[in-house]
Amino acid sequence: MKCQFGKSEMNYNMVVVISVVICAIISLFISYYLVLFVLGENSSFFKIAQLIIAIVSMTTFYAPIKYLLIKYMNIKEEEREKND
């Protein structure tokens, strides 16, 4: 069933996109400032360490943020299973 105009619920795909964007922003700031604090911006390993920390933080924060958004947006279980 397609979403009706004016429906108050958000579909599962939109929640996934929002959670990925939130995780990317959080990971950007965490990786930049953590590597800047540890290595310094003049280090040759700055971008490599920043990439590794960004990947680790993305995989760490994605599931909890998605879970909170699903609970907050009141997505139904049937809709989530249908879209998987």
PDB file of N, CA and C in Angstrom:
ATOM      1  N   MET A   1       0.841  -1.179   0.000  1.00  0.00           N
ATOM      2  CA  MET A   1       0.000   0.000   0.000  1.00  0.00           C
ATOM      3  C   MET A   1       0.886   1.243   0.000  1.00  0.00           C
ATOM      4  N   LYS A   2       0.584   2.180  -0.841  1.00  0.00           N
ATOM      5  CA  LYS A   2       1.372   3.397  -0.934  1.00  0.00           C
ATOM      6  C   LYS A   2       0.980   4.369   0.174  1.00  0.00           C
ATOM      7  N   CYS A   3       1.944   5.236   0.532  1.00  0.00           N
ATOM      8  CA  CYS A   3       1.666   6.244   1.553  1.00  0.00           C
ATOM      9  C   CYS A   3       0.690   7.274   1.003  1.00  0.00           C
ATOM     10  N   GLN A   4      -0.279   7.602   1.776  1.00  0.00           N
ATOM     11  CA  GLN A   4      -1.264   8.597   1.404  1.00  0.00           C
ATOM     12  C   GLN A   4      -0.734   9.984   1.734  1.00  0.00           C
ATOM     13  N   PHE A   5      -1.153  10.962   0.960  1.00  0.00           N
ATOM     14  CA  PHE A   5      -0.783  12.335   1.262  1.00  0.00           C
ATOM     15  C   PHE A   5      -1.399  12.757   2.583  1.00  0.00           C
ATOM     16  N   GLY A   6      -0.600  13.360   3.442  1.00  0.00           N
ATOM     17  CA  GLY A   6      -1.104  13.798   4.730  1.00  0.00           C
ATOM     18  C   GLY A   6      -1.016  12.736   5.807  1.00  0.00           C
ATOM     19  N   LYS A   7      -0.473  11.588   5.479  1.00  0.00           N
ATOM     20  CA  LYS A   7      -0.335  10.525   6.470  1.00  0.00           C
ATOM     21  C   LYS A   7       0.762  10.914   7.448  1.00  0.00           C
ATOM     22  N   SER A   8       0.521  10.720   8.732  1.00  0.00           N
ATOM     23  CA  SER A   8       1.455  11.201   9.744  1.00  0.00           C
ATOM     24  C   SER A   8       2.657  10.290   9.933  1.00  0.00           C
ATOM     25  N   GLU A   9       2.592   9.060   9.438  1.00  0.00           N
ATOM     26  CA  GLU A   9       3.711   8.146   9.610  1.00  0.00           C
ATOM     27  C   GLU A   9       4.713   8.296   8.479  1.00  0.00           C
ATOM     28  N   MET A  10       5.977   8.066   8.814  1.00  0.00           N
ATOM     29  CA  MET A  10       7.032   8.145   7.836  1.00  0.00           C
ATOM     30  C   MET A  10       7.425   6.723   7.444  1.00  0.00           C
ATOM     31  N   ASN A  11       7.747   6.477   6.190  1.00  0.00           N
ATOM     32  CA  ASN A  11       8.062   5.114   5.798  1.00  0.00           C
ATOM     33  C   ASN A  11       9.479   4.730   6.232  1.00  0.00           C
ATOM     34  N   TYR A  12       9.731   3.446   6.205  1.00  0.00           N
ATOM     35  CA  TYR A  12      10.982   2.878   6.713  1.00  0.00           C
ATOM     36  C   TYR A  12      12.191   3.352   5.916  1.00  0.00           C
ATOM     37  N   ASN A  13      12.053   3.482   4.617  1.00  0.00           N
ATOM     38  CA  ASN A  13      13.183   3.914   3.789  1.00  0.00           C
ATOM     39  C   ASN A  13      13.639   5.320   4.145  1.00  0.00           C
ATOM     40  N   MET A  14      12.718   6.184   4.462  1.00  0.00           N
ATOM     41  CA  MET A  14      13.072   7.544   4.841  1.00  0.00           C
ATOM     42  C   MET A  14      13.802   7.557   6.187  1.00  0.00           C
ATOM     43  N   VAL A  15      13.404   6.687   7.094  1.00  0.00           N
ATOM     44  CA  VAL A  15      14.081   6.580   8.387  1.00  0.00           C
ATOM     45  C   VAL A  15      15.521   6.109   8.194  1.00  0.00           C
ATOM     46  N   VAL A  16      15.732   5.180   7.283  1.00  0.00           N
ATOM     47  CA  VAL A  16      17.082   4.690   7.009  1.00  0.00           C
ATOM     48  C   VAL A  16      17.951   5.802   6.434  1.00  0.00           C
ATOM     49  N   VAL A  17      17.420   6.573   5.514  1.00  0.00           N
ATOM     50  CA  VAL A  17      18.182   7.673   4.914  1.00  0.00           C
ATOM     51  C   VAL A  17      18.523   8.724   5.971  1.00  0.00           C
ATOM     52  N   ILE A  18      17.565   9.075   6.808  1.00  0.00           N
ATOM     53  CA  ILE A  18      17.806  10.064   7.858  1.00  0.00           C
ATOM     54  C   ILE A  18      18.853   9.563   8.843  1.00  0.00           C
ATOM     55  N   SER A  19      18.790   8.288   9.221  1.00  0.00           N
ATOM     56  CA  SER A  19      19.765   7.754  10.170  1.00  0.00           C
ATOM     57  C   SER A  19      21.163   7.689   9.568  1.00  0.00           C
ATOM     58  N   VAL A  20      21.281   7.405   8.278  1.00  0.00           N
ATOM     59  CA  VAL A  20      22.595   7.404   7.627  1.00  0.00           C
ATOM     60  C   VAL A  20      23.180   8.814   7.588  1.00  0.00           C
ATOM     61  N   VAL A  21      22.359   9.802   7.298  1.00  0.00           N
ATOM     62  CA  VAL A  21      22.837  11.183   7.267  1.00  0.00           C
ATOM     63  C   VAL A  21      23.273  11.646   8.653  1.00  0.00           C
ATOM     64  N   ILE A  22      22.489  11.334   9.671  1.00  0.00           N
ATOM     65  CA  ILE A  22      22.857  11.704  11.044  1.00  0.00           C
ATOM     66  C   ILE A  22      24.153  11.024  11.451  1.00  0.00           C
ATOM     67  N   CYS A  23      24.301   9.741  11.126  1.00  0.00           N
ATOM     68  CA  CYS A  23      25.528   9.011  11.448  1.00  0.00           C
ATOM     69  C   CYS A  23      26.731   9.575  10.711  1.00  0.00           C
ATOM     70  N   ALA A  24      26.548   9.981   9.471  1.00  0.00           N
ATOM     71  CA  ALA A  24      27.655  10.553   8.703  1.00  0.00           C
ATOM     72  C   ALA A  24      28.128  11.871   9.309  1.00  0.00           C
ATOM     73  N   ILE A  25      27.197  12.696   9.734  1.00  0.00           N
ATOM     74  CA  ILE A  25      27.569  13.977  10.346  1.00  0.00           C
ATOM     75  C   ILE A  25      28.276  13.755  11.669  1.00  0.00           C
ATOM     76  N   ILE A  26      27.743  12.869  12.495  1.00  0.00           N
ATOM     77  CA  ILE A  26      28.382  12.562  13.785  1.00  0.00           C
ATOM     78  C   ILE A  26      29.770  11.976  13.560  1.00  0.00           C
ATOM     79  N   SER A  27      29.905  11.064  12.620  1.00  0.00           N
ATOM     80  CA  SER A  27      31.187  10.433  12.346  1.00  0.00           C
ATOM     81  C   SER A  27      32.209  11.423  11.812  1.00  0.00           C
ATOM     82  N   LEU A  28      31.769  12.369  11.011  1.00  0.00           N
ATOM     83  CA  LEU A  28      32.671  13.391  10.497  1.00  0.00           C
ATOM     84  C   LEU A  28      33.295  14.192  11.631  1.00  0.00           C
ATOM     85  N   PHE A  29      32.467  14.658  12.543  1.00  0.00           N
ATOM     86  CA  PHE A  29      32.990  15.461  13.647  1.00  0.00           C
ATOM     87  C   PHE A  29      33.842  14.640  14.612  1.00  0.00           C
ATOM     88  N   ILE A  30      33.393  13.441  14.934  1.00  0.00           N
ATOM     89  CA  ILE A  30      34.164  12.600  15.854  1.00  0.00           C
ATOM     90  C   ILE A  30      35.516  12.251  15.261  1.00  0.00           C
ATOM     91  N   SER A  31      35.528  11.821  14.010  1.00  0.00           N
ATOM     92  CA  SER A  31      36.790  11.403  13.397  1.00  0.00           C
ATOM     93  C   SER A  31      37.742  12.581  13.231  1.00  0.00           C
ATOM     94  N   TYR A  32      37.245  13.715  12.812  1.00  0.00           N
ATOM     95  CA  TYR A  32      38.129  14.865  12.599  1.00  0.00           C
ATOM     96  C   TYR A  32      38.769  15.338  13.901  1.00  0.00           C
ATOM     97  N   TYR A  33      37.940  15.564  14.915  1.00  0.00           N
ATOM     98  CA  TYR A  33      38.487  16.126  16.144  1.00  0.00           C
ATOM     99  C   TYR A  33      39.301  15.115  16.948  1.00  0.00           C
ATOM    100  N   LEU A  34      38.938  13.846  16.884  1.00  0.00           N
ATOM    101  CA  LEU A  34      39.722  12.832  17.590  1.00  0.00           C
ATOM    102  C   LEU A  34      41.099  12.660  16.955  1.00  0.00           C
ATOM    103  N   VAL A  35      41.148  12.590  15.636  1.00  0.00           N
ATOM    104  CA  VAL A  35      42.442  12.452  14.960  1.00  0.00           C
ATOM    105  C   VAL A  35      43.241  13.743  15.073  1.00  0.00           C
ATOM    106  N   LEU A  36      42.591  14.874  15.034  1.00  0.00           N
ATOM    107  CA  LEU A  36      43.289  16.142  15.212  1.00  0.00           C
ATOM    108  C   LEU A  36      43.919  16.218  16.593  1.00  0.00           C
ATOM    109  N   PHE A  37      43.218  15.723  17.595  1.00  0.00           N
ATOM    110  CA  PHE A  37      43.747  15.721  18.961  1.00  0.00           C
ATOM    111  C   PHE A  37      44.916  14.741  19.109  1.00  0.00           C
ATOM    112  N   VAL A  38      44.817  13.575  18.493  1.00  0.00           N
ATOM    113  CA  VAL A  38      45.831  12.533  18.664  1.00  0.00           C
ATOM    114  C   VAL A  38      47.038  12.761  17.754  1.00  0.00           C
ATOM    115  N   LEU A  39      46.824  12.999  16.476  1.00  0.00           N
ATOM    116  CA  LEU A  39      47.925  13.063  15.521  1.00  0.00           C
ATOM    117  C   LEU A  39      48.330  14.482  15.127  1.00  0.00           C
ATOM    118  N   GLY A  40      47.401  15.339  14.957  1.00  0.00           N
ATOM    119  CA  GLY A  40      47.693  16.665  14.415  1.00  0.00           C
ATOM    120  C   GLY A  40      47.442  16.668  12.920  1.00  0.00           C
ATOM    121  N   GLU A  41      47.108  17.831  12.390  1.00  0.00           N
ATOM    122  CA  GLU A  41      46.712  17.921  10.985  1.00  0.00           C
ATOM    123  C   GLU A  41      47.898  17.784  10.026  1.00  0.00           C
ATOM    124  N   ASN A  42      49.102  17.986  10.491  1.00  0.00           N
ATOM    125  CA  ASN A  42      50.279  17.896   9.632  1.00  0.00           C
ATOM    126  C   ASN A  42      50.779  16.472   9.471  1.00  0.00           C
ATOM    127  N   SER A  43      50.214  15.540  10.188  1.00  0.00           N
ATOM    128  CA  SER A  43      50.652  14.150  10.103  1.00  0.00           C
ATOM    129  C   SER A  43      50.272  13.546   8.760  1.00  0.00           C
ATOM    130  N   SER A  44      51.122  12.636   8.272  1.00  0.00           N
ATOM    131  CA  SER A  44      50.845  11.989   6.989  1.00  0.00           C
ATOM    132  C   SER A  44      49.756  10.925   7.116  1.00  0.00           C
ATOM    133  N   PHE A  45      49.468  10.480   8.320  1.00  0.00           N
ATOM    134  CA  PHE A  45      48.446   9.472   8.554  1.00  0.00           C
ATOM    135  C   PHE A  45      47.093  10.075   8.929  1.00  0.00           C
ATOM    136  N   PHE A  46      46.956  11.378   8.809  1.00  0.00           N
ATOM    137  CA  PHE A  46      45.748  12.071   9.258  1.00  0.00           C
ATOM    138  C   PHE A  46      44.500  11.566   8.534  1.00  0.00           C
ATOM    139  N   LYS A  47      44.518  11.530   7.221  1.00  0.00           N
ATOM    140  CA  LYS A  47      43.327  11.128   6.454  1.00  0.00           C
ATOM    141  C   LYS A  47      43.028   9.639   6.611  1.00  0.00           C
ATOM    142  N   ILE A  48      44.066   8.816   6.708  1.00  0.00           N
ATOM    143  CA  ILE A  48      43.852   7.376   6.878  1.00  0.00           C
ATOM    144  C   ILE A  48      43.224   7.093   8.237  1.00  0.00           C
ATOM    145  N   ALA A  49      43.752   7.707   9.275  1.00  0.00           N
ATOM    146  CA  ALA A  49      43.201   7.515  10.617  1.00  0.00           C
ATOM    147  C   ALA A  49      41.787   8.083  10.703  1.00  0.00           C
ATOM    148  N   GLN A  50      41.545   9.201  10.040  1.00  0.00           N
ATOM    149  CA  GLN A  50      40.211   9.791  10.034  1.00  0.00           C
ATOM    150  C   GLN A  50      39.211   8.873   9.342  1.00  0.00           C
ATOM    151  N   LEU A  51      39.609   8.249   8.247  1.00  0.00           N
ATOM    152  CA  LEU A  51      38.742   7.314   7.542  1.00  0.00           C
ATOM    153  C   LEU A  51      38.419   6.092   8.401  1.00  0.00           C
ATOM    154  N   ILE A  52      39.417   5.541   9.066  1.00  0.00           N
ATOM    155  CA  ILE A  52      39.203   4.358   9.911  1.00  0.00           C
ATOM    156  C   ILE A  52      38.263   4.682  11.061  1.00  0.00           C
ATOM    157  N   ILE A  53      38.473   5.797  11.714  1.00  0.00           N
ATOM    158  CA  ILE A  53      37.613   6.182  12.839  1.00  0.00           C
ATOM    159  C   ILE A  53      36.201   6.508  12.350  1.00  0.00           C
ATOM    160  N   ALA A  54      36.067   7.102  11.171  1.00  0.00           N
ATOM    161  CA  ALA A  54      34.740   7.397  10.629  1.00  0.00           C
ATOM    162  C   ALA A  54      33.973   6.117  10.333  1.00  0.00           C
ATOM    163  N   ILE A  55      34.642   5.115   9.780  1.00  0.00           N
ATOM    164  CA  ILE A  55      33.977   3.840   9.491  1.00  0.00           C
ATOM    165  C   ILE A  55      33.550   3.152  10.772  1.00  0.00           C
ATOM    166  N   VAL A  56      34.425   3.140  11.769  1.00  0.00           N
ATOM    167  CA  VAL A  56      34.088   2.504  13.047  1.00  0.00           C
ATOM    168  C   VAL A  56      32.920   3.226  13.723  1.00  0.00           C
ATOM    169  N   SER A  57      32.935   4.544  13.714  1.00  0.00           N
ATOM    170  CA  SER A  57      31.851   5.281  14.373  1.00  0.00           C
ATOM    171  C   SER A  57      30.540   5.164  13.594  1.00  0.00           C
ATOM    172  N   MET A  58      30.593   5.075  12.264  1.00  0.00           N
ATOM    173  CA  MET A  58      29.360   4.878  11.478  1.00  0.00           C
ATOM    174  C   MET A  58      28.719   3.543  11.815  1.00  0.00           C
ATOM    175  N   THR A  59      29.531   2.490  11.883  1.00  0.00           N
ATOM    176  CA  THR A  59      28.961   1.174  12.183  1.00  0.00           C
ATOM    177  C   THR A  59      28.502   1.082  13.631  1.00  0.00           C
ATOM    178  N   THR A  60      29.086   1.874  14.508  1.00  0.00           N
ATOM    179  CA  THR A  60      28.699   1.841  15.914  1.00  0.00           C
ATOM    180  C   THR A  60      27.393   2.593  16.162  1.00  0.00           C
ATOM    181  N   PHE A  61      27.214   3.733  15.534  1.00  0.00           N
ATOM    182  CA  PHE A  61      26.075   4.597  15.821  1.00  0.00           C
ATOM    183  C   PHE A  61      24.860   4.357  14.941  1.00  0.00           C
ATOM    184  N   TYR A  62      24.997   3.617  13.845  1.00  0.00           N
ATOM    185  CA  TYR A  62      23.884   3.477  12.900  1.00  0.00           C
ATOM    186  C   TYR A  62      22.680   2.757  13.515  1.00  0.00           C
ATOM    187  N   ALA A  63      22.907   1.602  14.103  1.00  0.00           N
ATOM    188  CA  ALA A  63      21.789   0.803  14.632  1.00  0.00           C
ATOM    189  C   ALA A  63      21.037   1.504  15.771  1.00  0.00           C
ATOM    190  N   PRO A  64      21.722   2.076  16.765  1.00  0.00           N
ATOM    191  CA  PRO A  64      20.955   2.761  17.823  1.00  0.00           C
ATOM    192  C   PRO A  64      20.175   3.978  17.333  1.00  0.00           C
ATOM    193  N   ILE A  65      20.753   4.729  16.408  1.00  0.00           N
ATOM    194  CA  ILE A  65      20.047   5.899  15.886  1.00  0.00           C
ATOM    195  C   ILE A  65      18.836   5.466  15.075  1.00  0.00           C
ATOM    196  N   LYS A  66      18.983   4.420  14.274  1.00  0.00           N
ATOM    197  CA  LYS A  66      17.856   3.917  13.489  1.00  0.00           C
ATOM    198  C   LYS A  66      16.755   3.393  14.408  1.00  0.00           C
ATOM    199  N   TYR A  67      17.131   2.690  15.464  1.00  0.00           N
ATOM    200  CA  TYR A  67      16.156   2.181  16.420  1.00  0.00           C
ATOM    201  C   TYR A  67      15.382   3.325  17.080  1.00  0.00           C
ATOM    202  N   LEU A  68      16.094   4.371  17.510  1.00  0.00           N
ATOM    203  CA  LEU A  68      15.428   5.505  18.141  1.00  0.00           C
ATOM    204  C   LEU A  68      14.501   6.237  17.167  1.00  0.00           C
ATOM    205  N   LEU A  69      14.932   6.375  15.920  1.00  0.00           N
ATOM    206  CA  LEU A  69      14.073   7.037  14.932  1.00  0.00           C
ATOM    207  C   LEU A  69      12.830   6.216  14.629  1.00  0.00           C
ATOM    208  N   ILE A  70      12.976   4.897  14.570  1.00  0.00           N
ATOM    209  CA  ILE A  70      11.810   4.046  14.320  1.00  0.00           C
ATOM    210  C   ILE A  70      10.810   4.174  15.461  1.00  0.00           C
ATOM    211  N   LYS A  71      11.312   4.176  16.689  1.00  0.00           N
ATOM    212  CA  LYS A  71      10.413   4.336  17.834  1.00  0.00           C
ATOM    213  C   LYS A  71       9.794   5.731  17.865  1.00  0.00           C
ATOM    214  N   TYR A  72      10.591   6.753  17.545  1.00  0.00           N
ATOM    215  CA  TYR A  72      10.093   8.125  17.584  1.00  0.00           C
ATOM    216  C   TYR A  72       9.094   8.398  16.464  1.00  0.00           C
ATOM    217  N   MET A  73       9.342   7.871  15.268  1.00  0.00           N
ATOM    218  CA  MET A  73       8.473   8.115  14.123  1.00  0.00           C
ATOM    219  C   MET A  73       7.275   7.172  14.082  1.00  0.00           C
ATOM    220  N   ASN A  74       7.231   6.200  14.974  1.00  0.00           N
ATOM    221  CA  ASN A  74       6.106   5.277  15.103  1.00  0.00           C
ATOM    222  C   ASN A  74       5.873   4.473  13.822  1.00  0.00           C
ATOM    223  N   ILE A  75       6.950   3.851  13.326  1.00  0.00           N
ATOM    224  CA  ILE A  75       6.858   2.995  12.152  1.00  0.00           C
ATOM    225  C   ILE A  75       6.303   1.644  12.581  1.00  0.00           C
ATOM    226  N   LYS A  76       5.346   1.127  11.848  1.00  0.00           N
ATOM    227  CA  LYS A  76       4.729  -0.146  12.184  1.00  0.00           C
ATOM    228  C   LYS A  76       5.638  -1.308  11.780  1.00  0.00           C
ATOM    229  N   GLU A  77       5.549  -2.391  12.510  1.00  0.00           N
ATOM    230  CA  GLU A  77       6.388  -3.570  12.258  1.00  0.00           C
ATOM    231  C   GLU A  77       6.111  -4.171  10.886  1.00  0.00           C
ATOM    232  N   GLU A  78       4.840  -4.213  10.462  1.00  0.00           N
ATOM    233  CA  GLU A  78       4.502  -4.798   9.177  1.00  0.00           C
ATOM    234  C   GLU A  78       5.144  -3.997   8.037  1.00  0.00           C
ATOM    235  N   GLU A  79       5.175  -2.686   8.190  1.00  0.00           N
ATOM    236  CA  GLU A  79       5.739  -1.839   7.152  1.00  0.00           C
ATOM    237  C   GLU A  79       7.240  -2.051   7.039  1.00  0.00           C
ATOM    238  N   ARG A  80       7.922  -2.226   8.161  1.00  0.00           N
ATOM    239  CA  ARG A  80       9.367  -2.466   8.145  1.00  0.00           C
ATOM    240  C   ARG A  80       9.674  -3.786   7.461  1.00  0.00           C
ATOM    241  N   GLU A  81       8.929  -4.831   7.787  1.00  0.00           N
ATOM    242  CA  GLU A  81       9.184  -6.133   7.195  1.00  0.00           C
ATOM    243  C   GLU A  81       8.869  -6.148   5.716  1.00  0.00           C
ATOM    244  N   LYS A  82       7.867  -5.412   5.302  1.00  0.00           N
ATOM    245  CA  LYS A  82       7.484  -5.363   3.893  1.00  0.00           C
ATOM    246  C   LYS A  82       8.577  -4.701   3.061  1.00  0.00           C
ATOM    247  N   ASN A  83       9.250  -3.689   3.610  1.00  0.00           N
ATOM    248  CA  ASN A  83      10.258  -2.939   2.866  1.00  0.00           C
ATOM    249  C   ASN A  83      11.625  -3.601   2.875  1.00  0.00           C
ATOM    250  N   ASP A  84      11.872  -4.585   3.718  1.00  0.00           N
ATOM    251  CA  ASP A  84      13.180  -5.246   3.771  1.00  0.00           C
ATOM    252  C   ASP A  84      13.416  -6.148   2.603  1.00  0.00           C
TER     253      ASP A  84
END
